[in-house]
Amino acid sequence: MNVSLAQIDLLDAERHIREALLHPAFSDWLKQALRSALERDPVALANDLELLGHLLRPWAAAHMASAHEVQVASGVFATPEGP
């Protein structure tokens, strides 16, 4: 029986997903997203993942930058001094 590289890649990806679903450090949100994703059409899922990345990365980055600015301004988080 010949197994294609695509089939090997799929088995490897499914193994990683199973491991993620069992990992105690991964959030419930992520695990639910993985479970939901597995029920989707792969093409539709890939399109939605691309859109999610475009929408959520800037949002998360802005929140983290804002939190960092607050920490620096309040002296909670000291920045290294320049030369």
Protein backbone atom coordinates (compact mmCIF):
# COMPACT_ATOMS: atom_id res chain seq x y z
CA MET A 1 0.00 0.00 0.00
CA ASN A 2 1.42 3.35 -1.06
CA VAL A 3 0.76 6.32 1.16
CA SER A 4 1.02 9.77 -0.42
CA LEU A 5 2.86 12.68 1.14
CA ALA A 6 -0.48 14.48 1.48
CA GLN A 7 -1.89 11.57 3.50
CA ILE A 8 1.20 11.57 5.73
CA ASP A 9 0.84 15.34 6.24
CA LEU A 10 -2.83 14.92 7.13
CA LEU A 11 -2.08 12.19 9.66
CA ASP A 12 0.66 14.34 11.19
CA ALA A 13 -1.66 17.36 11.40
CA GLU A 14 -4.40 15.27 13.01
CA ARG A 15 -1.90 13.91 15.55
CA HIS A 16 -0.87 17.46 16.48
CA ILE A 17 -4.50 18.47 16.89
CA ARG A 18 -5.21 15.46 19.14
CA GLU A 19 -2.19 16.37 21.26
CA ALA A 20 -3.36 19.99 21.52
CA LEU A 21 -6.82 18.88 22.60
CA LEU A 22 -5.28 16.84 25.41
CA HIS A 23 -2.74 19.43 26.53
CA PRO A 24 -3.68 20.96 29.89
CA ALA A 25 -2.03 24.31 29.15
CA PHE A 26 -4.10 25.03 26.05
CA SER A 27 -7.16 27.19 26.64
CA ASP A 28 -10.71 25.90 26.47
CA TRP A 29 -11.34 28.54 23.79
CA LEU A 30 -8.59 27.08 21.59
CA LYS A 31 -9.74 23.51 22.14
CA GLN A 32 -13.33 24.41 21.23
CA ALA A 33 -12.11 26.24 18.13
CA LEU A 34 -10.14 23.15 17.09
CA ARG A 35 -13.14 20.87 17.61
CA SER A 36 -15.35 23.21 15.62
CA ALA A 37 -12.76 23.58 12.86
CA LEU A 38 -12.56 19.83 12.36
CA GLU A 39 -16.23 19.81 11.39
CA ARG A 40 -15.77 22.47 8.69
CA ASP A 41 -14.96 22.25 5.03
CA PRO A 42 -11.15 22.70 4.83
CA VAL A 43 -11.34 25.36 2.11
CA ALA A 44 -13.92 27.43 4.01
CA LEU A 45 -11.88 26.97 7.19
CA ALA A 46 -8.67 28.17 5.51
CA ASN A 47 -10.49 31.27 4.24
CA ASP A 48 -11.95 32.00 7.69
CA LEU A 49 -8.54 31.50 9.34
CA GLU A 50 -7.02 34.05 6.98
CA LEU A 51 -9.74 36.55 7.81
CA LEU A 52 -9.47 35.88 11.55
CA GLY A 53 -5.75 36.56 11.38
CA HIS A 54 -6.31 39.88 9.61
CA LEU A 55 -8.95 40.91 12.14
CA LEU A 56 -7.60 39.61 15.43
CA ARG A 57 -3.81 40.11 15.14
CA PRO A 58 -4.04 43.92 14.95
CA TRP A 59 -6.67 43.95 17.71
CA ALA A 60 -4.51 41.84 20.03
CA ALA A 61 -1.37 43.81 19.16
CA ALA A 62 -3.11 47.10 19.95
CA HIS A 63 -4.35 45.78 23.29
CA MET A 64 -0.88 44.54 24.24
CA ALA A 65 0.74 47.82 23.17
CA SER A 66 -1.80 49.78 25.20
CA ALA A 67 -1.22 47.63 28.28
CA HIS A 68 2.54 48.05 27.86
CA GLU A 69 2.17 51.84 27.63
CA VAL A 70 0.12 51.88 30.84
CA GLN A 71 2.71 49.76 32.63
CA VAL A 72 5.58 51.98 31.50
CA ALA A 73 3.70 55.17 32.41
CA SER A 74 2.88 53.85 35.86
CA GLY A 75 6.40 52.61 36.49
CA VAL A 76 5.21 49.03 36.88
CA PHE A 77 7.29 47.95 33.92
CA ALA A 78 10.63 49.70 33.66
CA THR A 79 12.18 50.03 30.23
CA PRO A 80 15.92 49.60 29.78
CA GLU A 81 17.72 52.90 29.75
CA GLY A 82 19.44 53.88 26.56
CA PRO A 83 23.08 54.96 26.21
